[in-house]
Amino acid sequence: MSLFLTRIEFADTLYFIPHSSLRTPLPSLPELKAYLDALVHQFEQPFFIQSDPISIPHGFDDPRDQEVIGLYAALLAWGQRKTVLNKMAELCERMRYRPYAFVRDFDEARDGGRLAGFKHRTFQPLDALWFTKNLGAGLREHETVENLFARHLSPGAEHVGPALQGFSEALLTRHPETPPRLRKHLARPAAGSACKRLNMYLRWMVRPGPVDLGLWTKIKRSQLVLPLDVHAGRSARVLGLLARTANDWRAALELTENCRRLCPEDPARYDFVFFGAGAHGTSFDARFTGANKLDLTSSPTLR
């Protein structure tokens, strides 16, 4: 079915909402914001952590360990959650539960055997070896993962695209013998990728709790880009916040820009709506989707 968008102008900005034989007036932008903010409050709670890959960095106390193991957790976060968590538990053990020291001081001759045989889906032992080797070289030069991203981002940058591109390219070119296959695990906006997992990682690192870690200060919340995959894209289109049909970098920027109209200082907060609703089987209120009726799992209506 084609998605039809109705154009609404509010506070000198444009908002697009889907409609399908609507029998009630279209909601205003403030109503939509209030509804989505309520969903953010519903899902951005400590219970979210336990079954999510973000639980892995939450298990460490040292911020340096959190940002390093969090990067692995984000990059490997596809497939069944239970499997992801089990593989991350295995990786933590292989790193002797000291991920920052293990990666920063990584020596292939001495430590390579600890990564031998580690794999998750398409992330093979060769990927684990070279990603760790190149990340370790970056940490020895720039000290923290935050610096590895932030060094590519100017304070006035509109979004984190340059940081994603610079970080991935730097790791891919750190050593001339880096295998080309590592490129599939380090997304880049210039390649058209939505960079879902890296954007999710930056959300973890930049935004404050209770779910996100809020460790970094060199990247602003307002610069974050929404993590976009097929599930988030479907939810965003249902709500009329995304018109582009492909789940690519341009779509991620479009969704982020529309979310900025709702919350300029923290657009990525709405990731809890797009992901949380799907993960917990919550359907959206029909007033905001253009549906003609509500089902029994519809989200709470406005108070």
Protein backbone atom coordinates (compact mmCIF):
# COMPACT_ATOMS: atom_id res chain seq x y z
CA MET A 1 0.00 0.00 0.00
CA SER A 2 1.31 3.44 -0.86
CA LEU A 3 1.91 5.87 1.96
CA PHE A 4 0.08 9.18 1.55
CA LEU A 5 1.39 12.11 3.53
CA THR A 6 -0.59 15.15 4.56
CA ARG A 7 1.39 18.36 4.90
CA ILE A 8 0.96 20.36 8.11
CA GLU A 9 2.69 23.65 8.84
CA PHE A 10 3.47 24.49 12.43
CA ALA A 11 5.81 27.09 13.92
CA ASP A 12 7.29 27.86 10.50
CA THR A 13 8.20 24.21 9.92
CA LEU A 14 6.60 21.49 7.87
CA TYR A 15 5.39 18.21 9.26
CA PHE A 16 4.16 15.24 7.22
CA ILE A 17 1.65 12.75 8.56
CA PRO A 18 0.08 9.75 6.80
CA HIS A 19 -3.60 9.51 6.20
CA SER A 20 -5.91 6.78 5.01
CA SER A 21 -9.59 7.70 4.85
CA LEU A 22 -9.32 9.64 8.09
CA ARG A 23 -12.56 10.15 9.94
CA THR A 24 -11.12 12.43 12.60
CA PRO A 25 -9.15 15.69 12.33
CA LEU A 26 -5.39 15.36 11.93
CA PRO A 27 -3.50 15.88 15.19
CA SER A 28 -1.34 18.93 15.66
CA LEU A 29 2.42 18.77 15.94
CA PRO A 30 2.30 19.52 19.70
CA GLU A 31 -0.10 16.58 20.12
CA LEU A 32 2.23 14.28 18.25
CA LYS A 33 5.17 15.46 20.34
CA ALA A 34 3.25 14.86 23.57
CA TYR A 35 2.29 11.37 22.41
CA LEU A 36 5.84 10.41 21.37
CA ASP A 37 7.34 11.93 24.52
CA ALA A 38 5.02 9.72 26.57
CA LEU A 39 6.27 6.67 24.68
CA VAL A 40 9.88 7.71 25.26
CA HIS A 41 9.12 7.92 28.98
CA GLN A 42 7.50 4.47 28.82
CA PHE A 43 10.46 2.73 27.21
CA GLU A 44 13.46 4.75 28.42
CA GLN A 45 13.51 2.93 31.74
CA PRO A 46 16.05 0.69 33.51
CA PHE A 47 14.08 -2.44 32.57
CA PHE A 48 15.14 -1.79 28.96
CA ILE A 49 18.79 -2.50 29.81
CA GLN A 50 18.59 -6.11 30.92
CA SER A 51 17.83 -7.76 27.57
CA ASP A 52 19.55 -5.18 25.36
CA PRO A 53 23.19 -5.16 24.18
CA ILE A 54 23.69 -1.93 26.13
CA SER A 55 23.70 -4.15 29.22
CA ILE A 56 27.25 -5.18 28.29
CA PRO A 57 28.93 -1.78 28.84
CA HIS A 58 26.66 -1.24 31.85
CA GLY A 59 28.41 -4.24 33.41
CA PHE A 60 31.71 -2.32 33.66
CA ASP A 61 32.67 0.53 35.98
CA ASP A 62 35.60 2.14 34.17
CA PRO A 63 34.36 4.50 31.40
CA ARG A 64 37.29 3.41 29.21
CA ASP A 65 36.15 -0.20 29.47
CA GLN A 66 32.56 0.84 28.83
CA GLU A 67 33.31 2.69 25.62
CA VAL A 68 35.53 -0.06 24.23
CA ILE A 69 33.30 -3.04 25.00
CA GLY A 70 30.27 -0.94 24.04
CA LEU A 71 31.72 -0.51 20.56
CA TYR A 72 32.03 -4.26 20.11
CA ALA A 73 28.52 -4.77 21.52
CA ALA A 74 27.06 -2.26 19.07
CA LEU A 75 28.89 -3.66 16.05
CA LEU A 76 27.80 -7.21 16.86
CA ALA A 77 24.21 -6.26 17.73
CA TRP A 78 22.32 -8.11 15.06
CA GLY A 79 20.45 -11.36 15.26
CA GLN A 80 18.73 -12.76 18.33
CA ARG A 81 19.41 -10.74 21.44
CA LYS A 82 20.16 -13.80 23.55
CA THR A 83 22.80 -14.90 21.07
CA VAL A 84 24.33 -11.41 20.96
CA LEU A 85 24.56 -11.26 24.75
CA ASN A 86 26.09 -14.73 24.93
CA LYS A 87 28.72 -13.85 22.31
CA MET A 88 29.55 -10.63 24.13
CA ALA A 89 29.92 -12.52 27.41
CA GLU A 90 32.36 -14.82 25.62
CA LEU A 91 34.29 -11.86 24.23
CA CYS A 92 34.53 -10.22 27.66
CA GLU A 93 36.04 -13.43 29.02
CA ARG A 94 38.51 -13.60 26.14
CA MET A 95 39.54 -10.03 26.97
CA ARG A 96 40.04 -11.00 30.63
CA TYR A 97 37.26 -8.55 31.56
CA ARG A 98 39.63 -5.67 30.88
CA PRO A 99 38.58 -4.61 27.37
CA TYR A 100 40.32 -1.24 27.30
CA ALA A 101 43.71 -2.61 28.41
CA PHE A 102 43.33 -5.69 26.20
CA VAL A 103 42.64 -3.64 23.06
CA ARG A 104 45.03 -0.75 23.75
CA ASP A 105 47.94 -3.10 24.50
CA PHE A 106 46.96 -5.73 21.95
CA ASP A 107 49.92 -7.60 20.52
CA GLU A 108 49.04 -10.10 17.83
CA ALA A 109 51.83 -12.50 18.70
CA ARG A 110 50.98 -12.48 22.38
CA ASP A 111 47.19 -11.93 22.38
CA GLY A 112 45.97 -13.09 18.99
CA GLY A 113 45.24 -16.56 20.29
CA ARG A 114 42.64 -15.19 22.69
CA LEU A 115 40.52 -14.11 19.71
CA ALA A 116 41.07 -17.29 17.71
CA GLY A 117 37.76 -18.89 16.84
CA PHE A 118 35.62 -15.95 17.95
CA LYS A 119 32.81 -15.26 15.50
CA HIS A 120 29.28 -13.96 15.36
CA ARG A 121 27.32 -14.38 12.14
CA THR A 122 29.46 -12.69 9.44
CA PHE A 123 31.94 -11.30 12.00
CA GLN A 124 34.69 -13.88 11.65
CA PRO A 125 37.91 -14.47 13.63
CA LEU A 126 39.85 -12.53 11.00
CA ASP A 127 37.54 -9.55 11.53
CA ALA A 128 37.93 -9.78 15.31
CA LEU A 129 41.72 -9.85 14.96
CA TRP A 130 42.03 -6.89 12.58
CA PHE A 131 39.36 -4.76 14.20
CA THR A 132 41.06 -5.20 17.58
CA LYS A 133 44.52 -4.67 16.12
CA ASN A 134 43.57 -1.43 14.35
CA LEU A 135 41.42 -0.11 17.19
CA GLY A 136 44.30 -0.76 19.57
CA ALA A 137 46.65 1.27 17.37
CA GLY A 138 44.12 4.11 17.39
CA LEU A 139 43.81 4.00 21.18
CA ARG A 140 47.57 4.11 21.63
CA GLU A 141 47.65 7.28 19.54
CA HIS A 142 44.45 9.03 20.70
CA GLU A 143 43.80 7.41 24.12
CA THR A 144 40.00 7.05 23.97
CA VAL A 145 37.32 5.93 21.54
CA GLU A 146 35.65 9.31 22.07
CA ASN A 147 38.72 11.01 20.63
CA LEU A 148 38.74 8.62 17.67
CA PHE A 149 35.27 9.86 16.71
CA ALA A 150 35.37 13.49 17.87
CA ARG A 151 38.61 14.36 16.07
CA HIS A 152 36.68 14.20 12.80
CA LEU A 153 33.80 16.42 13.96
CA SER A 154 33.84 20.19 14.12
CA PRO A 155 31.92 21.81 17.02
CA GLY A 156 29.50 23.41 14.60
CA ALA A 157 28.79 20.28 12.57
CA GLU A 158 25.10 19.69 11.99
CA HIS A 159 25.31 15.95 12.60
CA VAL A 160 27.76 13.15 13.36
CA GLY A 161 28.16 12.01 9.76
CA PRO A 162 31.77 13.26 9.48
CA ALA A 163 32.65 11.49 12.75
CA LEU A 164 31.25 8.18 11.50
CA GLN A 165 33.00 8.51 8.17
CA GLY A 166 36.31 9.56 9.70
CA PHE A 167 36.31 6.89 12.39
CA SER A 168 35.57 4.04 9.99
CA GLU A 169 38.01 5.20 7.33
CA ALA A 170 40.76 5.67 9.90
CA LEU A 171 40.38 2.12 11.20
CA LEU A 172 40.15 0.67 7.71
CA THR A 173 43.35 2.41 6.60
CA ARG A 174 45.30 2.06 9.86
CA HIS A 175 47.37 -0.80 8.45
CA PRO A 176 48.05 -1.50 4.76
CA GLU A 177 47.33 -5.21 5.23
CA THR A 178 43.86 -4.66 6.70
CA PRO A 179 41.58 -7.11 4.86
CA PRO A 180 38.89 -5.51 2.66
CA ARG A 181 36.23 -7.67 4.30
CA LEU A 182 36.43 -5.49 7.44
CA ARG A 183 34.60 -2.77 5.50
CA LYS A 184 31.32 -4.62 5.89
CA HIS A 185 31.52 -4.10 9.66
CA LEU A 186 32.49 -0.40 9.62
CA ALA A 187 29.64 1.51 8.02
CA ARG A 188 30.26 4.81 6.25
CA PRO A 189 27.77 7.51 5.21
CA ALA A 190 29.68 8.05 1.97
CA ALA A 191 28.78 4.48 1.01
CA GLY A 192 25.11 5.27 1.55
CA SER A 193 24.77 3.18 4.71
CA ALA A 194 22.37 4.31 7.42
CA CYS A 195 25.17 3.41 9.88
CA LYS A 196 22.57 2.03 12.27
CA ARG A 197 24.90 0.30 14.71
CA LEU A 198 27.43 3.13 14.91
CA ASN A 199 24.64 5.67 15.43
CA MET A 200 23.24 3.46 18.17
CA TYR A 201 26.69 3.32 19.76
CA LEU A 202 26.99 7.10 19.73
CA ARG A 203 23.54 7.35 21.33
CA TRP A 204 24.76 5.09 24.13
CA MET A 205 27.91 7.13 24.67
CA VAL A 206 26.50 10.66 24.36
CA ARG A 207 23.02 10.66 25.89
CA PRO A 208 22.59 10.52 29.68
CA GLY A 209 20.73 7.69 31.48
CA PRO A 210 18.78 5.92 32.77
CA VAL A 211 19.47 3.66 29.76
CA ASP A 212 22.23 5.41 27.84
CA LEU A 213 25.61 5.93 29.47
CA GLY A 214 26.31 9.62 28.81
CA LEU A 215 30.09 9.18 28.96
CA TRP A 216 31.15 11.60 26.25
CA THR A 217 31.22 15.40 26.18
CA LYS A 218 32.88 16.16 22.83
CA ILE A 219 29.79 15.28 20.78
CA LYS A 220 26.47 17.00 21.41
CA ARG A 221 23.13 15.23 21.73
CA SER A 222 21.78 17.57 19.06
CA GLN A 223 24.33 16.17 16.59
CA LEU A 224 23.23 12.55 16.95
CA VAL A 225 21.54 10.77 14.04
CA LEU A 226 18.68 8.33 14.61
CA PRO A 227 19.68 4.65 14.33
CA LEU A 228 17.70 3.44 11.33
CA ASP A 229 17.01 -0.12 10.26
CA VAL A 230 14.06 -1.86 8.63
CA HIS A 231 12.08 -1.99 11.89
CA ALA A 232 12.68 1.63 12.91
CA GLY A 233 11.99 2.73 9.35
CA ARG A 234 8.65 0.94 9.31
CA SER A 235 7.59 2.60 12.58
CA ALA A 236 8.75 6.02 11.41
CA ARG A 237 6.79 5.73 8.17
CA VAL A 238 3.66 4.65 10.02
CA LEU A 239 3.94 7.82 12.08
CA GLY A 240 4.56 9.96 8.99
CA LEU A 241 8.05 10.96 10.08
CA LEU A 242 9.81 9.36 7.13
CA ALA A 243 8.83 9.51 3.47
CA ARG A 244 11.92 7.99 1.84
CA THR A 245 11.41 4.30 1.13
CA ALA A 246 15.04 3.16 1.37
CA ASN A 247 16.63 2.70 4.79
CA ASP A 248 19.85 4.49 3.88
CA TRP A 249 21.87 7.47 5.07
CA ARG A 250 19.57 9.99 3.41
CA ALA A 251 16.60 8.41 5.16
CA ALA A 252 18.42 8.51 8.51
CA LEU A 253 19.03 12.25 8.05
CA GLU A 254 15.42 12.83 7.00
CA LEU A 255 14.10 11.05 10.08
CA THR A 256 16.56 12.90 12.31
CA GLU A 257 15.57 16.26 10.89
CA ASN A 258 11.89 15.55 11.53
CA CYS A 259 12.68 14.44 15.07
CA ARG A 260 14.67 17.65 15.58
CA ARG A 261 11.46 19.55 14.97
CA LEU A 262 10.03 17.75 17.97
CA CYS A 263 13.13 18.01 20.18
CA PRO A 264 15.98 20.09 18.69
CA GLU A 265 18.39 19.41 21.54
CA ASP A 266 17.91 15.62 21.63
CA PRO A 267 16.36 14.10 18.50
CA ALA A 268 17.80 10.61 19.17
CA ARG A 269 15.54 10.21 22.21
CA TYR A 270 12.83 9.10 19.82
CA ASP A 271 14.80 5.96 19.03
CA PHE A 272 13.07 4.57 22.11
CA VAL A 273 9.77 5.04 20.28
CA PHE A 274 10.75 3.43 16.98
CA PHE A 275 12.67 0.54 18.52
CA GLY A 276 10.88 0.16 21.85
CA ALA A 277 7.39 -0.10 20.43
CA GLY A 278 8.43 -2.84 18.03
CA ALA A 279 10.48 -4.74 20.58
CA HIS A 280 7.64 -4.76 23.09
CA GLY A 281 4.81 -5.40 20.64
CA THR A 282 3.14 -2.02 21.11
CA SER A 283 1.11 -0.62 18.22
CA PHE A 284 0.69 3.09 17.69
CA ASP A 285 -2.40 5.13 18.47
CA ALA A 286 -4.51 5.28 15.31
CA ARG A 287 -4.89 9.05 15.60
CA PHE A 288 -1.22 9.36 14.64
CA THR A 289 -1.11 6.71 11.93
CA GLY A 290 -4.21 7.39 9.90
CA ALA A 291 -5.76 4.04 10.84
CA ASN A 292 -9.52 4.00 11.35
CA LYS A 293 -9.61 1.94 14.51
CA LEU A 294 -7.51 0.90 17.48
CA ASP A 295 -6.67 -2.68 18.36
CA LEU A 296 -6.23 -4.09 21.82
CA THR A 297 -2.47 -3.45 21.90
CA SER A 298 -2.63 0.22 21.00
CA SER A 299 -0.43 2.58 22.95
CA PRO A 300 -2.04 4.82 25.58
CA THR A 301 -3.89 7.78 24.21
CA LEU A 302 -3.13 11.36 25.20
CA ARG A 303 -4.14 12.37 28.70
